[in-house]
Amino acid sequence: MNVQISKNSLVAASKVSGTYVYNLVGEHLGQVEDVMIHKVDGQVAYAIMGFGGLLGIGEKFHPVPWSLLKYDTEQGGYLVPLDKDTLMKAPSFGRSELTEDDTLWRDEIHSYYNVPPYWS
């Protein structure tokens, strides 16, 4: 894969949070709440999207494999090949579950989205 390095090709993780996510037909699905980065190799593994809850209480978080997100400069957000129903039915977790051992949930995520794991 040949990566083009151009002006503004990098983004701070703090700027990714809050970026809107759309499906391929332009429907707004939500926004990135956070990103999960592999501590050792620095690879971004997941975009975390939050849904539900009230004022942060009861909110569930959906880790979406980073490989599914593609930045669209025209939309000013990320595109994913998912519809809202698929995303809403995806495995979701409480914030504390995501900060614990990821081996407890990562296989389920990659299986659900049918994408190869980031570590392969």
N, C-alpha and C. Protein backbone atom coordinates (compact mmCIF):
# COMPACT_ATOMS: atom_id res chain seq x y z
N MET A 1 0.85 -1.18 0.00
CA MET A 1 0.00 0.00 0.00
C MET A 1 0.89 1.23 0.00
N ASN A 2 0.64 2.14 -0.88
CA ASN A 2 1.42 3.36 -1.00
C ASN A 2 0.65 4.50 -0.34
N VAL A 3 1.17 5.00 0.78
CA VAL A 3 0.50 6.06 1.52
C VAL A 3 1.01 7.41 1.03
N GLN A 4 0.09 8.26 0.67
CA GLN A 4 0.45 9.61 0.23
C GLN A 4 0.60 10.51 1.45
N ILE A 5 1.77 11.13 1.58
CA ILE A 5 1.99 12.08 2.66
C ILE A 5 1.76 13.47 2.08
N SER A 6 0.82 14.15 2.65
CA SER A 6 0.49 15.48 2.14
C SER A 6 0.24 16.41 3.33
N LYS A 7 0.05 17.65 3.01
CA LYS A 7 -0.26 18.63 4.04
C LYS A 7 -1.49 18.18 4.80
N ASN A 8 -1.42 18.26 6.12
CA ASN A 8 -2.54 17.88 7.01
C ASN A 8 -2.91 16.41 6.91
N SER A 9 -1.94 15.53 6.68
CA SER A 9 -2.27 14.10 6.63
C SER A 9 -2.27 13.46 8.01
N LEU A 10 -1.79 14.17 9.02
CA LEU A 10 -1.81 13.65 10.38
C LEU A 10 -2.83 14.44 11.21
N VAL A 11 -3.35 13.78 12.24
CA VAL A 11 -4.31 14.44 13.10
C VAL A 11 -4.05 14.00 14.54
N ALA A 12 -4.16 14.91 15.46
CA ALA A 12 -4.01 14.58 16.88
C ALA A 12 -5.22 13.77 17.33
N ALA A 13 -4.98 12.79 18.18
CA ALA A 13 -6.09 11.96 18.69
C ALA A 13 -7.18 12.82 19.31
N SER A 14 -6.79 13.91 19.96
CA SER A 14 -7.78 14.78 20.59
C SER A 14 -8.71 15.42 19.56
N LYS A 15 -8.24 15.56 18.33
CA LYS A 15 -9.08 16.14 17.27
C LYS A 15 -10.01 15.10 16.64
N VAL A 16 -9.67 13.82 16.77
CA VAL A 16 -10.52 12.76 16.23
C VAL A 16 -11.80 12.65 17.05
N SER A 17 -11.67 12.78 18.36
CA SER A 17 -12.85 12.74 19.22
C SER A 17 -13.80 13.86 18.83
N GLY A 18 -15.05 13.50 18.63
CA GLY A 18 -16.05 14.48 18.22
C GLY A 18 -16.27 14.53 16.72
N THR A 19 -15.41 13.88 15.95
CA THR A 19 -15.58 13.88 14.50
C THR A 19 -16.77 13.01 14.13
N TYR A 20 -17.61 13.53 13.25
CA TYR A 20 -18.80 12.79 12.84
C TYR A 20 -18.45 11.58 12.01
N VAL A 21 -19.33 10.57 12.11
CA VAL A 21 -19.21 9.36 11.32
C VAL A 21 -20.48 9.21 10.50
N TYR A 22 -20.30 8.90 9.21
CA TYR A 22 -21.41 8.76 8.27
C TYR A 22 -21.33 7.39 7.61
N ASN A 23 -22.46 6.91 7.10
CA ASN A 23 -22.38 5.70 6.29
C ASN A 23 -22.15 6.11 4.84
N LEU A 24 -22.10 5.15 3.95
CA LEU A 24 -21.73 5.43 2.56
C LEU A 24 -22.78 6.20 1.79
N VAL A 25 -24.01 6.31 2.32
CA VAL A 25 -25.04 7.10 1.66
C VAL A 25 -25.19 8.47 2.32
N GLY A 26 -24.27 8.80 3.23
CA GLY A 26 -24.26 10.12 3.84
C GLY A 26 -25.09 10.29 5.09
N GLU A 27 -25.67 9.20 5.60
CA GLU A 27 -26.47 9.27 6.82
C GLU A 27 -25.54 9.42 8.03
N HIS A 28 -25.83 10.40 8.88
CA HIS A 28 -25.03 10.63 10.08
C HIS A 28 -25.32 9.51 11.08
N LEU A 29 -24.26 8.78 11.49
CA LEU A 29 -24.42 7.66 12.41
C LEU A 29 -24.07 8.01 13.84
N GLY A 30 -23.27 9.02 14.03
CA GLY A 30 -22.81 9.38 15.37
C GLY A 30 -21.48 10.09 15.27
N GLN A 31 -20.72 9.97 16.33
CA GLN A 31 -19.40 10.60 16.32
C GLN A 31 -18.42 9.74 17.10
N VAL A 32 -17.15 9.97 16.81
CA VAL A 32 -16.10 9.25 17.52
C VAL A 32 -15.99 9.85 18.91
N GLU A 33 -16.10 9.00 19.92
CA GLU A 33 -15.95 9.43 21.31
C GLU A 33 -14.50 9.36 21.74
N ASP A 34 -13.79 8.37 21.21
CA ASP A 34 -12.39 8.15 21.61
C ASP A 34 -11.76 7.22 20.60
N VAL A 35 -10.47 7.03 20.71
CA VAL A 35 -9.76 6.04 19.90
C VAL A 35 -8.96 5.15 20.84
N MET A 36 -8.81 3.91 20.44
CA MET A 36 -8.00 2.94 21.19
C MET A 36 -6.74 2.69 20.39
N ILE A 37 -5.60 2.91 21.02
CA ILE A 37 -4.30 2.78 20.36
C ILE A 37 -3.52 1.67 21.03
N HIS A 38 -2.92 0.80 20.22
CA HIS A 38 -2.10 -0.27 20.76
C HIS A 38 -0.87 0.33 21.43
N LYS A 39 -0.67 0.01 22.71
CA LYS A 39 0.40 0.63 23.50
C LYS A 39 1.79 0.37 22.94
N VAL A 40 2.02 -0.81 22.41
CA VAL A 40 3.37 -1.17 22.00
C VAL A 40 3.72 -0.67 20.60
N ASP A 41 2.86 -0.94 19.60
CA ASP A 41 3.23 -0.57 18.23
C ASP A 41 2.63 0.76 17.77
N GLY A 42 1.76 1.37 18.57
CA GLY A 42 1.22 2.68 18.23
C GLY A 42 0.11 2.67 17.20
N GLN A 43 -0.32 1.51 16.78
CA GLN A 43 -1.36 1.41 15.77
C GLN A 43 -2.73 1.74 16.36
N VAL A 44 -3.51 2.55 15.65
CA VAL A 44 -4.88 2.81 16.07
C VAL A 44 -5.68 1.55 15.80
N ALA A 45 -6.34 1.02 16.81
CA ALA A 45 -7.07 -0.24 16.68
C ALA A 45 -8.57 -0.02 16.50
N TYR A 46 -9.15 0.91 17.27
CA TYR A 46 -10.60 1.10 17.25
C TYR A 46 -10.98 2.56 17.37
N ALA A 47 -12.08 2.90 16.73
CA ALA A 47 -12.77 4.16 17.01
C ALA A 47 -13.90 3.76 17.96
N ILE A 48 -14.07 4.50 19.02
CA ILE A 48 -15.14 4.21 19.98
C ILE A 48 -16.29 5.18 19.72
N MET A 49 -17.44 4.61 19.42
CA MET A 49 -18.65 5.41 19.22
C MET A 49 -19.59 5.16 20.39
N GLY A 50 -20.18 6.23 20.92
CA GLY A 50 -21.08 6.11 22.06
C GLY A 50 -22.52 6.29 21.64
N PHE A 51 -23.41 5.51 22.26
CA PHE A 51 -24.85 5.61 21.99
C PHE A 51 -25.62 5.40 23.28
N GLY A 52 -26.77 6.01 23.33
CA GLY A 52 -27.70 5.77 24.43
C GLY A 52 -27.30 6.46 25.71
N GLY A 53 -28.04 6.17 26.72
CA GLY A 53 -27.78 6.78 28.01
C GLY A 53 -28.30 8.20 28.08
N LEU A 54 -28.27 8.73 29.27
CA LEU A 54 -28.71 10.09 29.50
C LEU A 54 -27.65 10.78 30.34
N LEU A 55 -27.08 11.83 29.81
CA LEU A 55 -26.02 12.57 30.49
C LEU A 55 -24.86 11.66 30.89
N GLY A 56 -24.55 10.70 30.00
CA GLY A 56 -23.44 9.79 30.24
C GLY A 56 -23.75 8.60 31.11
N ILE A 57 -24.98 8.54 31.67
CA ILE A 57 -25.36 7.42 32.53
C ILE A 57 -26.02 6.35 31.66
N GLY A 58 -25.50 5.13 31.73
CA GLY A 58 -26.05 4.04 30.95
C GLY A 58 -25.58 4.00 29.51
N GLU A 59 -24.67 4.88 29.16
CA GLU A 59 -24.19 4.92 27.78
C GLU A 59 -23.37 3.68 27.50
N LYS A 60 -23.56 3.13 26.32
CA LYS A 60 -22.78 2.00 25.85
C LYS A 60 -21.86 2.48 24.74
N PHE A 61 -20.70 1.85 24.68
CA PHE A 61 -19.70 2.24 23.71
C PHE A 61 -19.46 1.11 22.72
N HIS A 62 -19.42 1.48 21.45
CA HIS A 62 -19.23 0.53 20.36
C HIS A 62 -17.84 0.70 19.76
N PRO A 63 -16.93 -0.26 20.00
CA PRO A 63 -15.64 -0.20 19.33
C PRO A 63 -15.81 -0.63 17.87
N VAL A 64 -15.40 0.22 16.97
CA VAL A 64 -15.45 -0.08 15.54
C VAL A 64 -14.01 -0.21 15.05
N PRO A 65 -13.66 -1.33 14.41
CA PRO A 65 -12.29 -1.47 13.93
C PRO A 65 -11.90 -0.27 13.06
N TRP A 66 -10.75 0.29 13.39
CA TRP A 66 -10.28 1.48 12.69
C TRP A 66 -10.17 1.24 11.19
N SER A 67 -9.89 0.01 10.79
CA SER A 67 -9.73 -0.30 9.37
C SER A 67 -11.02 -0.05 8.57
N LEU A 68 -12.17 0.04 9.25
CA LEU A 68 -13.43 0.32 8.56
C LEU A 68 -13.66 1.80 8.28
N LEU A 69 -12.94 2.66 8.97
CA LEU A 69 -13.15 4.11 8.82
C LEU A 69 -12.25 4.68 7.74
N LYS A 70 -12.83 5.47 6.89
CA LYS A 70 -12.08 6.20 5.87
C LYS A 70 -12.48 7.67 5.98
N TYR A 71 -11.50 8.55 6.04
CA TYR A 71 -11.80 9.97 6.18
C TYR A 71 -12.24 10.54 4.83
N ASP A 72 -13.32 11.29 4.85
CA ASP A 72 -13.84 11.94 3.64
C ASP A 72 -13.69 13.44 3.82
N THR A 73 -12.84 14.04 3.02
CA THR A 73 -12.59 15.47 3.15
C THR A 73 -13.81 16.30 2.79
N GLU A 74 -14.65 15.82 1.88
CA GLU A 74 -15.86 16.58 1.52
C GLU A 74 -16.87 16.58 2.66
N GLN A 75 -17.03 15.45 3.33
CA GLN A 75 -17.96 15.36 4.46
C GLN A 75 -17.36 15.98 5.72
N GLY A 76 -16.03 15.99 5.78
CA GLY A 76 -15.38 16.45 7.00
C GLY A 76 -15.56 15.47 8.14
N GLY A 77 -15.69 14.19 7.78
CA GLY A 77 -15.88 13.15 8.77
C GLY A 77 -15.48 11.81 8.22
N TYR A 78 -15.69 10.78 9.04
CA TYR A 78 -15.33 9.43 8.64
C TYR A 78 -16.51 8.71 8.02
N LEU A 79 -16.22 7.88 7.03
CA LEU A 79 -17.23 7.04 6.39
C LEU A 79 -17.00 5.60 6.82
N VAL A 80 -18.10 4.90 7.07
CA VAL A 80 -18.03 3.47 7.37
C VAL A 80 -19.05 2.75 6.49
N PRO A 81 -18.74 1.52 6.08
CA PRO A 81 -19.67 0.75 5.25
C PRO A 81 -20.73 0.03 6.10
N LEU A 82 -21.42 0.80 6.93
CA LEU A 82 -22.40 0.24 7.87
C LEU A 82 -23.67 1.07 7.83
N ASP A 83 -24.78 0.44 8.10
CA ASP A 83 -25.99 1.23 8.31
C ASP A 83 -26.22 1.39 9.81
N LYS A 84 -27.14 2.25 10.15
CA LYS A 84 -27.38 2.56 11.57
C LYS A 84 -27.82 1.32 12.34
N ASP A 85 -28.65 0.48 11.74
CA ASP A 85 -29.14 -0.72 12.42
C ASP A 85 -27.99 -1.67 12.74
N THR A 86 -27.09 -1.88 11.80
CA THR A 86 -25.93 -2.76 12.02
C THR A 86 -25.08 -2.22 13.16
N LEU A 87 -24.87 -0.93 13.17
CA LEU A 87 -24.05 -0.33 14.22
C LEU A 87 -24.74 -0.41 15.58
N MET A 88 -26.04 -0.18 15.62
CA MET A 88 -26.76 -0.22 16.89
C MET A 88 -26.81 -1.65 17.47
N LYS A 89 -26.79 -2.67 16.61
CA LYS A 89 -26.83 -4.05 17.07
C LYS A 89 -25.43 -4.61 17.37
N ALA A 90 -24.41 -3.83 17.11
CA ALA A 90 -23.04 -4.28 17.32
C ALA A 90 -22.76 -4.49 18.80
N PRO A 91 -21.78 -5.33 19.11
CA PRO A 91 -21.40 -5.50 20.51
C PRO A 91 -21.06 -4.14 21.13
N SER A 92 -21.54 -3.94 22.35
CA SER A 92 -21.26 -2.68 23.04
C SER A 92 -20.84 -2.98 24.47
N PHE A 93 -20.17 -2.02 25.06
CA PHE A 93 -19.56 -2.23 26.36
C PHE A 93 -19.63 -0.96 27.19
N GLY A 94 -19.57 -1.10 28.49
CA GLY A 94 -19.42 0.05 29.37
C GLY A 94 -17.99 0.56 29.29
N ARG A 95 -17.79 1.80 29.68
CA ARG A 95 -16.45 2.39 29.60
C ARG A 95 -15.41 1.56 30.35
N SER A 96 -15.76 1.05 31.53
CA SER A 96 -14.79 0.28 32.31
C SER A 96 -14.42 -1.03 31.62
N GLU A 97 -15.36 -1.62 30.89
CA GLU A 97 -15.06 -2.86 30.17
C GLU A 97 -14.03 -2.63 29.07
N LEU A 98 -14.07 -1.46 28.46
CA LEU A 98 -13.14 -1.16 27.38
C LEU A 98 -11.74 -0.88 27.88
N THR A 99 -11.62 -0.47 29.13
CA THR A 99 -10.29 -0.17 29.66
C THR A 99 -9.67 -1.39 30.34
N GLU A 100 -10.42 -2.47 30.43
CA GLU A 100 -9.88 -3.71 30.98
C GLU A 100 -9.22 -4.51 29.86
N ASP A 101 -8.91 -5.74 30.10
CA ASP A 101 -8.25 -6.62 29.15
C ASP A 101 -9.06 -6.72 27.86
N ASP A 102 -8.50 -6.21 26.76
CA ASP A 102 -9.24 -6.21 25.50
C ASP A 102 -9.39 -7.59 24.89
N THR A 103 -8.64 -8.59 25.36
CA THR A 103 -8.82 -9.93 24.83
C THR A 103 -10.19 -10.49 25.18
N LEU A 104 -10.88 -9.86 26.12
CA LEU A 104 -12.22 -10.30 26.50
C LEU A 104 -13.27 -9.91 25.47
N TRP A 105 -12.98 -8.92 24.63
CA TRP A 105 -14.01 -8.46 23.68
C TRP A 105 -13.53 -8.28 22.24
N ARG A 106 -12.24 -8.24 21.98
CA ARG A 106 -11.77 -7.88 20.64
C ARG A 106 -12.14 -8.91 19.57
N ASP A 107 -12.09 -10.22 19.88
CA ASP A 107 -12.46 -11.22 18.88
C ASP A 107 -13.91 -11.07 18.45
N GLU A 108 -14.77 -10.78 19.42
CA GLU A 108 -16.20 -10.58 19.14
C GLU A 108 -16.40 -9.40 18.18
N ILE A 109 -15.64 -8.35 18.36
CA ILE A 109 -15.76 -7.16 17.50
C ILE A 109 -15.37 -7.48 16.07
N HIS A 110 -14.23 -8.11 15.90
CA HIS A 110 -13.74 -8.41 14.54
C HIS A 110 -14.62 -9.43 13.85
N SER A 111 -15.17 -10.36 14.61
CA SER A 111 -16.09 -11.34 14.04
C SER A 111 -17.38 -10.65 13.59
N TYR A 112 -17.92 -9.78 14.43
CA TYR A 112 -19.18 -9.10 14.10
C TYR A 112 -19.03 -8.27 12.82
N TYR A 113 -17.95 -7.52 12.70
CA TYR A 113 -17.76 -6.66 11.54
C TYR A 113 -17.12 -7.38 10.36
N ASN A 114 -16.72 -8.65 10.59
CA ASN A 114 -16.12 -9.46 9.54
C ASN A 114 -14.90 -8.79 8.91
N VAL A 115 -14.01 -8.33 9.77
CA VAL A 115 -12.75 -7.74 9.32
C VAL A 115 -11.60 -8.43 10.03
N PRO A 116 -10.45 -8.51 9.37
CA PRO A 116 -9.31 -9.14 10.04
C PRO A 116 -8.88 -8.32 11.25
N PRO A 117 -8.40 -8.98 12.29
CA PRO A 117 -7.95 -8.26 13.48
C PRO A 117 -6.74 -7.38 13.16
N TYR A 118 -6.62 -6.31 13.89
CA TYR A 118 -5.51 -5.37 13.67
C TYR A 118 -4.16 -6.00 13.95
N TRP A 119 -4.12 -7.05 14.77
CA TRP A 119 -2.85 -7.65 15.14
C TRP A 119 -2.38 -8.70 14.15
N SER A 120 -3.16 -8.99 13.09
CA SER A 120 -2.72 -10.00 12.13
C SER A 120 -2.00 -9.40 10.95
